[in-house]
Each structure stands twice: as structure tokens, then as C-alpha cells.
PDB file of all heavy atoms in Angstrom:
ATOM      1  N   ASP A   1      -5.596 -39.141 -28.870  1.00  0.00           N
ATOM      2  CA  ASP A   1      -6.405 -37.955 -28.663  1.00  0.00           C
ATOM      3  C   ASP A   1      -7.330 -38.066 -27.441  1.00  0.00           C
ATOM      4  O   ASP A   1      -8.490 -37.705 -27.476  1.00  0.00           O
ATOM      5  CB  ASP A   1      -7.238 -37.658 -29.896  1.00  0.00           C
ATOM      6  CG  ASP A   1      -6.415 -36.844 -30.944  1.00  0.00           C
ATOM      7  OD1 ASP A   1      -5.240 -36.527 -30.642  1.00  0.00           O
ATOM      8  OD2 ASP A   1      -7.000 -36.472 -31.991  1.00  0.00           O
ATOM      9  N   GLY A   2      -6.796 -38.644 -26.375  1.00  0.00           N
ATOM     10  CA  GLY A   2      -7.545 -38.721 -25.160  1.00  0.00           C
ATOM     11  C   GLY A   2      -8.383 -40.007 -25.032  1.00  0.00           C
ATOM     12  O   GLY A   2      -8.826 -40.345 -23.925  1.00  0.00           O
ATOM     13  N   ARG A   3      -8.642 -40.663 -26.105  1.00  0.00           N
ATOM     14  CA  ARG A   3      -9.405 -41.893 -26.025  1.00  0.00           C
ATOM     15  C   ARG A   3      -8.496 -43.049 -25.686  1.00  0.00           C
ATOM     16  O   ARG A   3      -7.326 -43.108 -26.155  1.00  0.00           O
ATOM     17  CB  ARG A   3     -10.061 -42.186 -27.406  1.00  0.00           C
ATOM     18  CG  ARG A   3     -11.152 -41.251 -27.774  1.00  0.00           C
ATOM     19  CD  ARG A   3     -11.699 -41.613 -29.166  1.00  0.00           C
ATOM     20  NE  ARG A   3     -12.865 -40.924 -29.487  1.00  0.00           N
ATOM     21  CZ  ARG A   3     -12.923 -39.936 -30.427  1.00  0.00           C
ATOM     22  NH1 ARG A   3     -11.833 -39.516 -31.000  1.00  0.00           N
ATOM     23  NH2 ARG A   3     -14.058 -39.381 -30.739  1.00  0.00           N
ATOM     24  N   LYS A   4      -9.030 -44.015 -24.929  1.00  0.00           N
ATOM     25  CA  LYS A   4      -8.254 -45.219 -24.572  1.00  0.00           C
ATOM     26  C   LYS A   4      -8.529 -46.312 -25.577  1.00  0.00           C
ATOM     27  O   LYS A   4      -9.684 -46.618 -25.877  1.00  0.00           O
ATOM     28  CB  LYS A   4      -8.664 -45.684 -23.190  1.00  0.00           C
ATOM     29  CG  LYS A   4      -8.320 -44.683 -22.085  1.00  0.00           C
ATOM     30  CD  LYS A   4      -8.782 -45.193 -20.762  1.00  0.00           C
ATOM     31  CE  LYS A   4      -8.445 -44.197 -19.683  1.00  0.00           C
ATOM     32  NZ  LYS A   4      -8.929 -44.673 -18.328  1.00  0.00           N
ATOM     33  N   VAL A   5      -7.437 -46.930 -26.077  1.00  0.00           N
ATOM     34  CA  VAL A   5      -7.571 -47.964 -27.089  1.00  0.00           C
ATOM     35  C   VAL A   5      -6.756 -49.162 -26.653  1.00  0.00           C
ATOM     36  O   VAL A   5      -5.630 -49.079 -26.206  1.00  0.00           O
ATOM     37  CB  VAL A   5      -6.992 -47.480 -28.466  1.00  0.00           C
ATOM     38  CG1 VAL A   5      -7.160 -48.569 -29.514  1.00  0.00           C
ATOM     39  CG2 VAL A   5      -7.719 -46.187 -28.857  1.00  0.00           C
ATOM     40  N   LYS A   6      -7.358 -50.330 -26.850  1.00  0.00           N
ATOM     41  CA  LYS A   6      -6.746 -51.632 -26.434  1.00  0.00           C
ATOM     42  C   LYS A   6      -6.804 -52.563 -27.589  1.00  0.00           C
ATOM     43  O   LYS A   6      -7.703 -52.531 -28.403  1.00  0.00           O
ATOM     44  CB  LYS A   6      -7.476 -52.204 -25.237  1.00  0.00           C
ATOM     45  CG  LYS A   6      -6.757 -53.261 -24.473  1.00  0.00           C
ATOM     46  CD  LYS A   6      -7.506 -53.574 -23.190  1.00  0.00           C
ATOM     47  CE  LYS A   6      -6.702 -54.632 -22.436  1.00  0.00           C
ATOM     48  NZ  LYS A   6      -7.327 -54.925 -21.134  1.00  0.00           N
ATOM     49  N   LEU A   7      -5.782 -53.422 -27.679  1.00  0.00           N
ATOM     50  CA  LEU A   7      -5.744 -54.454 -28.748  1.00  0.00           C
ATOM     51  C   LEU A   7      -6.300 -55.767 -28.262  1.00  0.00           C
ATOM     52  O   LEU A   7      -6.270 -56.073 -27.062  1.00  0.00           O
ATOM     53  CB  LEU A   7      -4.289 -54.669 -29.176  1.00  0.00           C
ATOM     54  CG  LEU A   7      -3.552 -53.487 -29.738  1.00  0.00           C
ATOM     55  CD1 LEU A   7      -2.080 -53.847 -29.998  1.00  0.00           C
ATOM     56  CD2 LEU A   7      -4.189 -52.971 -31.012  1.00  0.00           C
ATOM     57  N   SER A   8      -6.855 -56.506 -29.231  1.00  0.00           N
ATOM     58  CA  SER A   8      -7.241 -57.895 -28.942  1.00  0.00           C
ATOM     59  C   SER A   8      -6.321 -58.797 -29.764  1.00  0.00           C
ATOM     60  O   SER A   8      -5.480 -58.316 -30.487  1.00  0.00           O
ATOM     61  CB  SER A   8      -8.701 -58.109 -29.348  1.00  0.00           C
ATOM     62  OG  SER A   8      -8.791 -58.160 -30.765  1.00  0.00           O
ATOM     63  N   ASP A   9      -6.492 -60.100 -29.615  1.00  0.00           N
ATOM     64  CA  ASP A   9      -5.678 -61.059 -30.416  1.00  0.00           C
ATOM     65  C   ASP A   9      -5.903 -60.929 -31.899  1.00  0.00           C
ATOM     66  O   ASP A   9      -5.046 -61.301 -32.677  1.00  0.00           O
ATOM     67  CB  ASP A   9      -5.990 -62.498 -29.959  1.00  0.00           C
ATOM     68  CG  ASP A   9      -5.576 -62.764 -28.519  1.00  0.00           C
ATOM     69  OD1 ASP A   9      -4.703 -62.032 -28.070  1.00  0.00           O
ATOM     70  OD2 ASP A   9      -6.092 -63.740 -27.901  1.00  0.00           O
ATOM     71  N   LYS A  10      -7.084 -60.393 -32.280  1.00  0.00           N
ATOM     72  CA  LYS A  10      -7.413 -60.275 -33.705  1.00  0.00           C
ATOM     73  C   LYS A  10      -7.137 -58.872 -34.283  1.00  0.00           C
ATOM     74  O   LYS A  10      -7.363 -58.682 -35.478  1.00  0.00           O
ATOM     75  CB  LYS A  10      -8.897 -60.626 -33.910  1.00  0.00           C
ATOM     76  CG  LYS A  10      -9.197 -62.064 -33.560  1.00  0.00           C
ATOM     77  CD  LYS A  10     -10.645 -62.389 -33.721  1.00  0.00           C
ATOM     78  CE  LYS A  10     -10.938 -63.801 -33.310  1.00  0.00           C
ATOM     79  NZ  LYS A  10     -12.338 -64.198 -33.465  1.00  0.00           N
ATOM     80  N   SER A  11      -6.648 -57.956 -33.462  1.00  0.00           N
ATOM     81  CA  SER A  11      -6.394 -56.618 -33.955  1.00  0.00           C
ATOM     82  C   SER A  11      -5.285 -56.594 -35.001  1.00  0.00           C
ATOM     83  O   SER A  11      -4.268 -57.290 -34.839  1.00  0.00           O
ATOM     84  CB  SER A  11      -5.957 -55.679 -32.808  1.00  0.00           C
ATOM     85  OG  SER A  11      -7.014 -55.618 -31.821  1.00  0.00           O
ATOM     86  N   LYS A  12      -5.474 -55.798 -36.057  1.00  0.00           N
ATOM     87  CA  LYS A  12      -4.456 -55.681 -37.094  1.00  0.00           C
ATOM     88  C   LYS A  12      -3.946 -54.242 -37.102  1.00  0.00           C
ATOM     89  O   LYS A  12      -4.752 -53.310 -37.118  1.00  0.00           O
ATOM     90  CB  LYS A  12      -5.028 -56.037 -38.446  1.00  0.00           C
ATOM     91  CG  LYS A  12      -5.424 -57.486 -38.543  1.00  0.00           C
ATOM     92  CD  LYS A  12      -6.017 -57.841 -39.866  1.00  0.00           C
ATOM     93  CE  LYS A  12      -6.386 -59.322 -39.895  1.00  0.00           C
ATOM     94  NZ  LYS A  12      -7.154 -59.699 -41.014  1.00  0.00           N
ATOM     95  N   ILE A  13      -2.637 -54.097 -37.070  1.00  0.00           N
ATOM     96  CA  ILE A  13      -1.990 -52.746 -37.161  1.00  0.00           C
ATOM     97  C   ILE A  13      -1.163 -52.750 -38.380  1.00  0.00           C
ATOM     98  O   ILE A  13      -0.157 -53.487 -38.493  1.00  0.00           O
ATOM     99  CB  ILE A  13      -1.118 -52.453 -35.907  1.00  0.00           C
ATOM    100  CG1 ILE A  13      -1.872 -52.705 -34.620  1.00  0.00           C
ATOM    101  CG2 ILE A  13      -0.655 -51.017 -35.928  1.00  0.00           C
ATOM    102  CD1 ILE A  13      -1.026 -52.611 -33.343  1.00  0.00           C
ATOM    103  N   LYS A  14      -1.473 -51.800 -39.320  1.00  0.00           N
ATOM    104  CA  LYS A  14      -0.731 -51.756 -40.576  1.00  0.00           C
ATOM    105  C   LYS A  14      -0.420 -50.290 -40.904  1.00  0.00           C
ATOM    106  O   LYS A  14      -1.154 -49.413 -40.503  1.00  0.00           O
ATOM    107  CB  LYS A  14      -1.485 -52.379 -41.740  1.00  0.00           C
ATOM    108  CG  LYS A  14      -1.757 -53.876 -41.506  1.00  0.00           C
ATOM    109  CD  LYS A  14      -2.012 -54.585 -42.835  1.00  0.00           C
ATOM    110  CE  LYS A  14      -2.130 -56.081 -42.611  1.00  0.00           C
ATOM    111  NZ  LYS A  14      -0.931 -56.788 -42.716  1.00  0.00           N
ATOM    112  N   CYS A  15       0.592 -50.112 -41.707  1.00  0.00           N
ATOM    113  CA  CYS A  15       0.929 -48.755 -42.188  1.00  0.00           C
ATOM    114  C   CYS A  15      -0.057 -48.335 -43.255  1.00  0.00           C
ATOM    115  O   CYS A  15      -0.387 -49.119 -44.142  1.00  0.00           O
ATOM    116  CB  CYS A  15       2.357 -48.710 -42.778  1.00  0.00           C
ATOM    117  SG  CYS A  15       2.804 -47.101 -43.448  1.00  0.00           S
ATOM    118  N   LYS A  16      -0.515 -47.052 -43.173  1.00  0.00           N
ATOM    119  CA  LYS A  16      -1.423 -46.542 -44.155  1.00  0.00           C
ATOM    120  C   LYS A  16      -0.781 -46.422 -45.518  1.00  0.00           C
ATOM    121  O   LYS A  16      -1.365 -46.623 -46.566  1.00  0.00           O
ATOM    122  CB  LYS A  16      -1.993 -45.184 -43.697  1.00  0.00           C
ATOM    123  CG  LYS A  16      -3.129 -44.718 -44.460  1.00  0.00           C
ATOM    124  CD  LYS A  16      -3.705 -43.460 -43.782  1.00  0.00           C
ATOM    125  CE  LYS A  16      -4.953 -43.032 -44.498  1.00  0.00           C
ATOM    126  NZ  LYS A  16      -5.583 -41.844 -43.831  1.00  0.00           N
ATOM    127  N   GLY A  17       0.519 -45.966 -45.520  1.00  0.00           N
ATOM    128  CA  GLY A  17       1.288 -45.990 -46.720  1.00  0.00           C
ATOM    129  C   GLY A  17       1.116 -44.842 -47.667  1.00  0.00           C
ATOM    130  O   GLY A  17       1.571 -44.903 -48.817  1.00  0.00           O
ATOM    131  N   SER A  18       0.476 -43.736 -47.252  1.00  0.00           N
ATOM    132  CA  SER A  18       0.421 -42.586 -48.135  1.00  0.00           C
ATOM    133  C   SER A  18       1.780 -41.895 -48.195  1.00  0.00           C
ATOM    134  O   SER A  18       2.696 -42.242 -47.399  1.00  0.00           O
ATOM    135  CB  SER A  18      -0.688 -41.622 -47.736  1.00  0.00           C
ATOM    136  OG  SER A  18      -0.482 -41.205 -46.411  1.00  0.00           O
ATOM    137  N   ASP A  19       1.961 -40.911 -49.067  1.00  0.00           N
ATOM    138  CA  ASP A  19       3.243 -40.236 -49.304  1.00  0.00           C
ATOM    139  C   ASP A  19       3.944 -39.731 -48.073  1.00  0.00           C
ATOM    140  O   ASP A  19       5.130 -39.737 -47.930  1.00  0.00           O
ATOM    141  CB  ASP A  19       3.138 -39.155 -50.377  1.00  0.00           C
ATOM    142  CG  ASP A  19       2.795 -39.753 -51.724  1.00  0.00           C
ATOM    143  OD1 ASP A  19       3.001 -40.933 -51.971  1.00  0.00           O
ATOM    144  OD2 ASP A  19       2.228 -38.997 -52.575  1.00  0.00           O
ATOM    145  N   ASP A  20       3.096 -39.148 -47.182  1.00  0.00           N
ATOM    146  CA  ASP A  20       3.709 -38.484 -45.974  1.00  0.00           C
ATOM    147  C   ASP A  20       3.681 -39.388 -44.735  1.00  0.00           C
ATOM    148  O   ASP A  20       3.772 -38.876 -43.618  1.00  0.00           O
ATOM    149  CB  ASP A  20       2.982 -37.165 -45.730  1.00  0.00           C
ATOM    150  CG  ASP A  20       1.478 -37.340 -45.553  1.00  0.00           C
ATOM    151  OD1 ASP A  20       0.992 -38.468 -45.779  1.00  0.00           O
ATOM    152  OD2 ASP A  20       0.810 -36.348 -45.194  1.00  0.00           O
ATOM    153  N   CYS A  21       3.562 -40.668 -44.867  1.00  0.00           N
ATOM    154  CA  CYS A  21       3.408 -41.564 -43.735  1.00  0.00           C
ATOM    155  C   CYS A  21       4.717 -42.135 -43.204  1.00  0.00           C
ATOM    156  O   CYS A  21       4.765 -42.668 -42.099  1.00  0.00           O
ATOM    157  CB  CYS A  21       2.460 -42.721 -43.995  1.00  0.00           C
ATOM    158  SG  CYS A  21       0.747 -42.231 -43.807  1.00  0.00           S
ATOM    159  N   ASN A  22       5.794 -42.022 -43.992  1.00  0.00           N
ATOM    160  CA  ASN A  22       7.113 -42.499 -43.521  1.00  0.00           C
ATOM    161  C   ASN A  22       7.170 -43.964 -43.209  1.00  0.00           C
ATOM    162  O   ASN A  22       7.961 -44.382 -42.340  1.00  0.00           O
ATOM    163  CB  ASN A  22       7.542 -41.638 -42.364  1.00  0.00           C
ATOM    164  CG  ASN A  22       9.107 -41.577 -42.253  1.00  0.00           C
ATOM    165  OD1 ASN A  22       9.744 -41.707 -43.232  1.00  0.00           O
ATOM    166  ND2 ASN A  22       9.594 -41.318 -41.023  1.00  0.00           N
ATOM    167  N   CYS A  23       6.316 -44.758 -43.828  1.00  0.00           N
ATOM    168  CA  CYS A  23       6.377 -46.208 -43.739  1.00  0.00           C
ATOM    169  C   CYS A  23       5.728 -46.781 -44.943  1.00  0.00           C
ATOM    170  O   CYS A  23       4.913 -46.144 -45.605  1.00  0.00           O
ATOM    171  CB  CYS A  23       5.721 -46.728 -42.438  1.00  0.00           C
ATOM    172  SG  CYS A  23       3.992 -46.331 -42.205  1.00  0.00           S
ATOM    173  N   SER A  24       6.056 -48.022 -45.273  1.00  0.00           N
ATOM    174  CA  SER A  24       5.572 -48.644 -46.519  1.00  0.00           C
ATOM    175  C   SER A  24       4.137 -49.223 -46.334  1.00  0.00           C
ATOM    176  O   SER A  24       3.840 -49.770 -45.307  1.00  0.00           O
ATOM    177  CB  SER A  24       6.489 -49.810 -46.955  1.00  0.00           C
ATOM    178  OG  SER A  24       7.779 -49.265 -47.180  1.00  0.00           O
ATOM    179  N   LYS A  25       3.286 -49.026 -47.316  1.00  0.00           N
ATOM    180  CA  LYS A  25       1.920 -49.457 -47.295  1.00  0.00           C
ATOM    181  C   LYS A  25       1.869 -50.961 -47.001  1.00  0.00           C
ATOM    182  O   LYS A  25       2.549 -51.763 -47.565  1.00  0.00           O
ATOM    183  CB  LYS A  25       1.211 -49.167 -48.609  1.00  0.00           C
ATOM    184  CG  LYS A  25      -0.255 -49.545 -48.561  1.00  0.00           C
ATOM    185  CD  LYS A  25      -0.956 -49.049 -49.886  1.00  0.00           C
ATOM    186  CE  LYS A  25      -2.392 -49.455 -49.890  1.00  0.00           C
ATOM    187  NZ  LYS A  25      -3.209 -48.914 -48.885  1.00  0.00           N
ATOM    188  N   GLY A  26       1.017 -51.288 -46.035  1.00  0.00           N
ATOM    189  CA  GLY A  26       0.789 -52.714 -45.692  1.00  0.00           C
ATOM    190  C   GLY A  26       1.737 -53.276 -44.659  1.00  0.00           C
ATOM    191  O   GLY A  26       1.546 -54.405 -44.158  1.00  0.00           O
ATOM    192  N   ARG A  27       2.833 -52.508 -44.308  1.00  0.00           N
ATOM    193  CA  ARG A  27       3.742 -53.014 -43.322  1.00  0.00           C
ATOM    194  C   ARG A  27       2.989 -53.200 -41.984  1.00  0.00           C
ATOM    195  O   ARG A  27       2.211 -52.333 -41.592  1.00  0.00           O
ATOM    196  CB  ARG A  27       4.860 -51.962 -43.090  1.00  0.00           C
ATOM    197  CG  ARG A  27       5.767 -52.328 -41.974  1.00  0.00           C
ATOM    198  CD  ARG A  27       6.594 -51.205 -41.450  1.00  0.00           C
ATOM    199  NE  ARG A  27       7.028 -51.492 -40.090  1.00  0.00           N
ATOM    200  CZ  ARG A  27       7.731 -50.607 -39.366  1.00  0.00           C
ATOM    201  NH1 ARG A  27       8.084 -49.494 -39.919  1.00  0.00           N
ATOM    202  NH2 ARG A  27       8.071 -50.921 -38.201  1.00  0.00           N
ATOM    203  N   SER A  28       3.210 -54.296 -41.332  1.00  0.00           N
ATOM    204  CA  SER A  28       2.512 -54.571 -40.088  1.00  0.00           C
ATOM    205  C   SER A  28       3.299 -54.251 -38.860  1.00  0.00           C
ATOM    206  O   SER A  28       4.526 -54.204 -38.914  1.00  0.00           O
ATOM    207  CB  SER A  28       2.065 -56.049 -40.029  1.00  0.00           C
ATOM    208  OG  SER A  28       3.173 -56.901 -40.019  1.00  0.00           O
ATOM    209  N   PHE A  29       2.610 -53.959 -37.797  1.00  0.00           N
ATOM    210  CA  PHE A  29       3.206 -53.742 -36.443  1.00  0.00           C
ATOM    211  C   PHE A  29       2.669 -54.793 -35.495  1.00  0.00           C
ATOM    212  O   PHE A  29       1.452 -55.105 -35.541  1.00  0.00           O
ATOM    213  CB  PHE A  29       2.846 -52.329 -35.933  1.00  0.00           C
ATOM    214  CG  PHE A  29       3.307 -51.198 -36.809  1.00  0.00           C
ATOM    215  CD1 PHE A  29       2.584 -50.801 -37.908  1.00  0.00           C
ATOM    216  CD2 PHE A  29       4.472 -50.567 -36.489  1.00  0.00           C
ATOM    217  CE1 PHE A  29       3.063 -49.750 -38.709  1.00  0.00           C
ATOM    218  CE2 PHE A  29       4.936 -49.473 -37.254  1.00  0.00           C
ATOM    219  CZ  PHE A  29       4.231 -49.070 -38.398  1.00  0.00           C
ATOM    220  N   LEU A  30       3.443 -55.341 -34.649  1.00  0.00           N
ATOM    221  CA  LEU A  30       3.020 -56.403 -33.720  1.00  0.00           C
ATOM    222  C   LEU A  30       2.105 -55.884 -32.670  1.00  0.00           C
ATOM    223  O   LEU A  30       1.092 -56.503 -32.315  1.00  0.00           O
ATOM    224  CB  LEU A  30       4.193 -57.083 -33.074  1.00  0.00           C
ATOM    225  CG  LEU A  30       5.138 -57.844 -34.008  1.00  0.00           C
ATOM    226  CD1 LEU A  30       6.315 -58.431 -33.225  1.00  0.00           C
ATOM    227  CD2 LEU A  30       4.361 -58.971 -34.731  1.00  0.00           C
ATOM    228  N   ASP A  31       2.445 -54.697 -32.079  1.00  0.00           N
ATOM    229  CA  ASP A  31       1.622 -54.081 -31.043  1.00  0.00           C
ATOM    230  C   ASP A  31       1.923 -52.610 -30.948  1.00  0.00           C
ATOM    231  O   ASP A  31       2.707 -52.065 -31.765  1.00  0.00           O
ATOM    232  CB  ASP A  31       1.879 -54.794 -29.664  1.00  0.00           C
ATOM    233  CG  ASP A  31       3.358 -54.834 -29.321  1.00  0.00           C
ATOM    234  OD1 ASP A  31       4.104 -53.921 -29.690  1.00  0.00           O
ATOM    235  OD2 ASP A  31       3.772 -55.836 -28.680  1.00  0.00           O
ATOM    236  N   PHE A  32       1.374 -51.929 -29.961  1.00  0.00           N
ATOM    237  CA  PHE A  32       1.581 -50.481 -29.831  1.00  0.00           C
ATOM    238  C   PHE A  32       3.041 -50.119 -29.500  1.00  0.00           C
ATOM    239  O   PHE A  32       3.475 -49.062 -29.793  1.00  0.00           O
ATOM    240  CB  PHE A  32       0.687 -49.907 -28.700  1.00  0.00           C
ATOM    241  CG  PHE A  32      -0.737 -49.765 -29.116  1.00  0.00           C
ATOM    242  CD1 PHE A  32      -1.751 -50.341 -28.370  1.00  0.00           C
ATOM    243  CD2 PHE A  32      -1.091 -49.003 -30.254  1.00  0.00           C
ATOM    244  CE1 PHE A  32      -3.095 -50.166 -28.797  1.00  0.00           C
ATOM    245  CE2 PHE A  32      -2.420 -48.852 -30.650  1.00  0.00           C
ATOM    246  CZ  PHE A  32      -3.399 -49.439 -29.855  1.00  0.00           C
ATOM    247  N   GLU A  33       3.804 -51.060 -28.897  1.00  0.00           N
ATOM    248  CA  GLU A  33       5.182 -50.741 -28.601  1.00  0.00           C
ATOM    249  C   GLU A  33       6.010 -50.519 -29.873  1.00  0.00           C
ATOM    250  O   GLU A  33       7.053 -49.867 -29.790  1.00  0.00           O
ATOM    251  CB  GLU A  33       5.770 -51.851 -27.730  1.00  0.00           C
ATOM    252  CG  GLU A  33       5.176 -51.883 -26.334  1.00  0.00           C
ATOM    253  CD  GLU A  33       5.841 -52.868 -25.441  1.00  0.00           C
ATOM    254  OE1 GLU A  33       6.836 -53.524 -25.844  1.00  0.00           O
ATOM    255  OE2 GLU A  33       5.318 -53.101 -24.333  1.00  0.00           O
ATOM    256  N   GLU A  34       5.594 -51.068 -30.987  1.00  0.00           N
ATOM    257  CA  GLU A  34       6.350 -50.841 -32.227  1.00  0.00           C
ATOM    258  C   GLU A  34       5.881 -49.538 -32.963  1.00  0.00           C
ATOM    259  O   GLU A  34       6.542 -49.123 -33.932  1.00  0.00           O
ATOM    260  CB  GLU A  34       6.136 -52.047 -33.171  1.00  0.00           C
ATOM    261  CG  GLU A  34       6.848 -53.265 -32.702  1.00  0.00           C
ATOM    262  CD  GLU A  34       6.902 -54.352 -33.771  1.00  0.00           C
ATOM    263  OE1 GLU A  34       6.265 -54.188 -34.853  1.00  0.00           O
ATOM    264  OE2 GLU A  34       7.606 -55.347 -33.529  1.00  0.00           O
ATOM    265  N   VAL A  35       4.831 -48.907 -32.494  1.00  0.00           N
ATOM    266  CA  VAL A  35       4.328 -47.682 -33.130  1.00  0.00           C
ATOM    267  C   VAL A  35       4.913 -46.486 -32.413  1.00  0.00           C
ATOM    268  O   VAL A  35       4.770 -46.354 -31.192  1.00  0.00           O
ATOM    269  CB  VAL A  35       2.798 -47.644 -33.096  1.00  0.00           C
ATOM    270  CG1 VAL A  35       2.281 -46.392 -33.697  1.00  0.00           C
ATOM    271  CG2 VAL A  35       2.183 -48.890 -33.739  1.00  0.00           C
ATOM    272  N   PRO A  36       5.611 -45.588 -33.126  1.00  0.00           N
ATOM    273  CA  PRO A  36       6.202 -44.420 -32.466  1.00  0.00           C
ATOM    274  C   PRO A  36       5.123 -43.482 -31.900  1.00  0.00           C
ATOM    275  O   PRO A  36       4.110 -43.227 -32.515  1.00  0.00           O
ATOM    276  CB  PRO A  36       6.978 -43.713 -33.606  1.00  0.00           C
ATOM    277  CG  PRO A  36       7.111 -44.715 -34.678  1.00  0.00           C
ATOM    278  CD  PRO A  36       5.944 -45.661 -34.589  1.00  0.00           C
ATOM    279  N   ILE A  37       5.411 -42.992 -30.682  1.00  0.00           N
ATOM    280  CA  ILE A  37       4.529 -41.988 -30.063  1.00  0.00           C
ATOM    281  C   ILE A  37       4.509 -40.773 -31.000  1.00  0.00           C
ATOM    282  O   ILE A  37       5.568 -40.386 -31.541  1.00  0.00           O
ATOM    283  CB  ILE A  37       5.100 -41.584 -28.633  1.00  0.00           C
ATOM    284  CG1 ILE A  37       5.106 -42.784 -27.730  1.00  0.00           C
ATOM    285  CG2 ILE A  37       4.280 -40.440 -28.107  1.00  0.00           C
ATOM    286  CD1 ILE A  37       3.755 -43.302 -27.309  1.00  0.00           C
ATOM    287  N   GLY A  38       3.353 -40.134 -31.141  1.00  0.00           N
ATOM    288  CA  GLY A  38       3.227 -39.016 -32.061  1.00  0.00           C
ATOM    289  C   GLY A  38       2.697 -39.397 -33.417  1.00  0.00           C
ATOM    290  O   GLY A  38       2.377 -38.530 -34.208  1.00  0.00           O
ATOM    291  N   SER A  39       2.604 -40.676 -33.728  1.00  0.00           N
ATOM    292  CA  SER A  39       2.053 -41.124 -34.978  1.00  0.00           C
ATOM    293  C   SER A  39       0.557 -40.827 -35.102  1.00  0.00           C
ATOM    294  O   SER A  39      -0.106 -40.725 -34.050  1.00  0.00           O
ATOM    295  CB  SER A  39       2.255 -42.667 -35.160  1.00  0.00           C
ATOM    296  OG  SER A  39       3.589 -42.986 -35.186  1.00  0.00           O
ATOM    297  N   PHE A  40       0.089 -40.690 -36.324  1.00  0.00           N
ATOM    298  CA  PHE A  40      -1.349 -40.468 -36.569  1.00  0.00           C
ATOM    299  C   PHE A  40      -1.963 -41.865 -36.777  1.00  0.00           C
ATOM    300  O   PHE A  40      -1.534 -42.626 -37.612  1.00  0.00           O
ATOM    301  CB  PHE A  40      -1.592 -39.591 -37.778  1.00  0.00           C
ATOM    302  CG  PHE A  40      -1.009 -38.215 -37.615  1.00  0.00           C
ATOM    303  CD1 PHE A  40       0.173 -37.871 -38.218  1.00  0.00           C
ATOM    304  CD2 PHE A  40      -1.654 -37.243 -36.836  1.00  0.00           C
ATOM    305  CE1 PHE A  40       0.731 -36.597 -38.079  1.00  0.00           C
ATOM    306  CE2 PHE A  40      -1.139 -35.970 -36.678  1.00  0.00           C
ATOM    307  CZ  PHE A  40       0.048 -35.665 -37.271  1.00  0.00           C
ATOM    308  N   LEU A  41      -3.046 -42.133 -36.026  1.00  0.00           N
ATOM    309  CA  LEU A  41      -3.678 -43.441 -36.110  1.00  0.00           C
ATOM    310  C   LEU A  41      -5.153 -43.281 -36.561  1.00  0.00           C
ATOM    311  O   LEU A  41      -5.846 -42.393 -36.134  1.00  0.00           O
ATOM    312  CB  LEU A  41      -3.652 -44.127 -34.778  1.00  0.00           C
ATOM    313  CG  LEU A  41      -2.283 -44.351 -34.072  1.00  0.00           C
ATOM    314  CD1 LEU A  41      -2.464 -45.121 -32.777  1.00  0.00           C
ATOM    315  CD2 LEU A  41      -1.315 -45.028 -34.971  1.00  0.00           C
ATOM    316  N   SER A  42      -5.568 -44.216 -37.466  1.00  0.00           N
ATOM    317  CA  SER A  42      -6.976 -44.356 -37.839  1.00  0.00           C
ATOM    318  C   SER A  42      -7.414 -45.620 -37.210  1.00  0.00           C
ATOM    319  O   SER A  42      -6.879 -46.690 -37.478  1.00  0.00           O
ATOM    320  CB  SER A  42      -7.128 -44.395 -39.357  1.00  0.00           C
ATOM    321  OG  SER A  42      -6.630 -43.254 -39.921  1.00  0.00           O
ATOM    322  N   ILE A  43      -8.447 -45.571 -36.389  1.00  0.00           N
ATOM    323  CA  ILE A  43      -8.853 -46.724 -35.580  1.00  0.00           C
ATOM    324  C   ILE A  43     -10.312 -47.106 -35.859  1.00  0.00           C
ATOM    325  O   ILE A  43     -11.194 -46.283 -35.975  1.00  0.00           O
ATOM    326  CB  ILE A  43      -8.698 -46.415 -34.080  1.00  0.00           C
ATOM    327  CG1 ILE A  43      -7.236 -46.224 -33.797  1.00  0.00           C
ATOM    328  CG2 ILE A  43      -9.278 -47.488 -33.189  1.00  0.00           C
ATOM    329  CD1 ILE A  43      -6.902 -45.688 -32.438  1.00  0.00           C
ATOM    330  N   GLU A  44     -10.508 -48.432 -35.984  1.00  0.00           N
ATOM    331  CA  GLU A  44     -11.854 -48.992 -36.063  1.00  0.00           C
ATOM    332  C   GLU A  44     -12.023 -49.913 -34.836  1.00  0.00           C
ATOM    333  O   GLU A  44     -11.108 -50.728 -34.580  1.00  0.00           O
ATOM    334  CB  GLU A  44     -12.086 -49.837 -37.317  1.00  0.00           C
ATOM    335  CG  GLU A  44     -12.172 -49.014 -38.563  1.00  0.00           C
ATOM    336  CD  GLU A  44     -12.464 -49.874 -39.796  1.00  0.00           C
ATOM    337  OE1 GLU A  44     -13.132 -50.940 -39.646  1.00  0.00           O
ATOM    338  OE2 GLU A  44     -12.007 -49.505 -40.870  1.00  0.00           O
TER     339      GLU A  44
END
């Protein structure tokens, strides 16, 4: 949404896992390249 986001070595990327997320809860992603463009992200 226009904000720039970068990962560190300690960043964790996981599937939210709700009914409409199309991925299993807790599934991990190695980096942004594994996350499909258009996905909804919650970021801390």
C-alpha cells in the first residue's frame, strides 16, 4: 500500500490461516519472493 518494507535476518513471514487466506495457518515463507503479488499482508 505504498509503504516500503524490508526484511531482516530475524523477520518471520507466516500464513495467517483464516478461511479466506488460501494457505495453511503457520506455513512459513522464506522471503518476499515466495509471497504472491496481490496478497494481503499484516506487518509489524
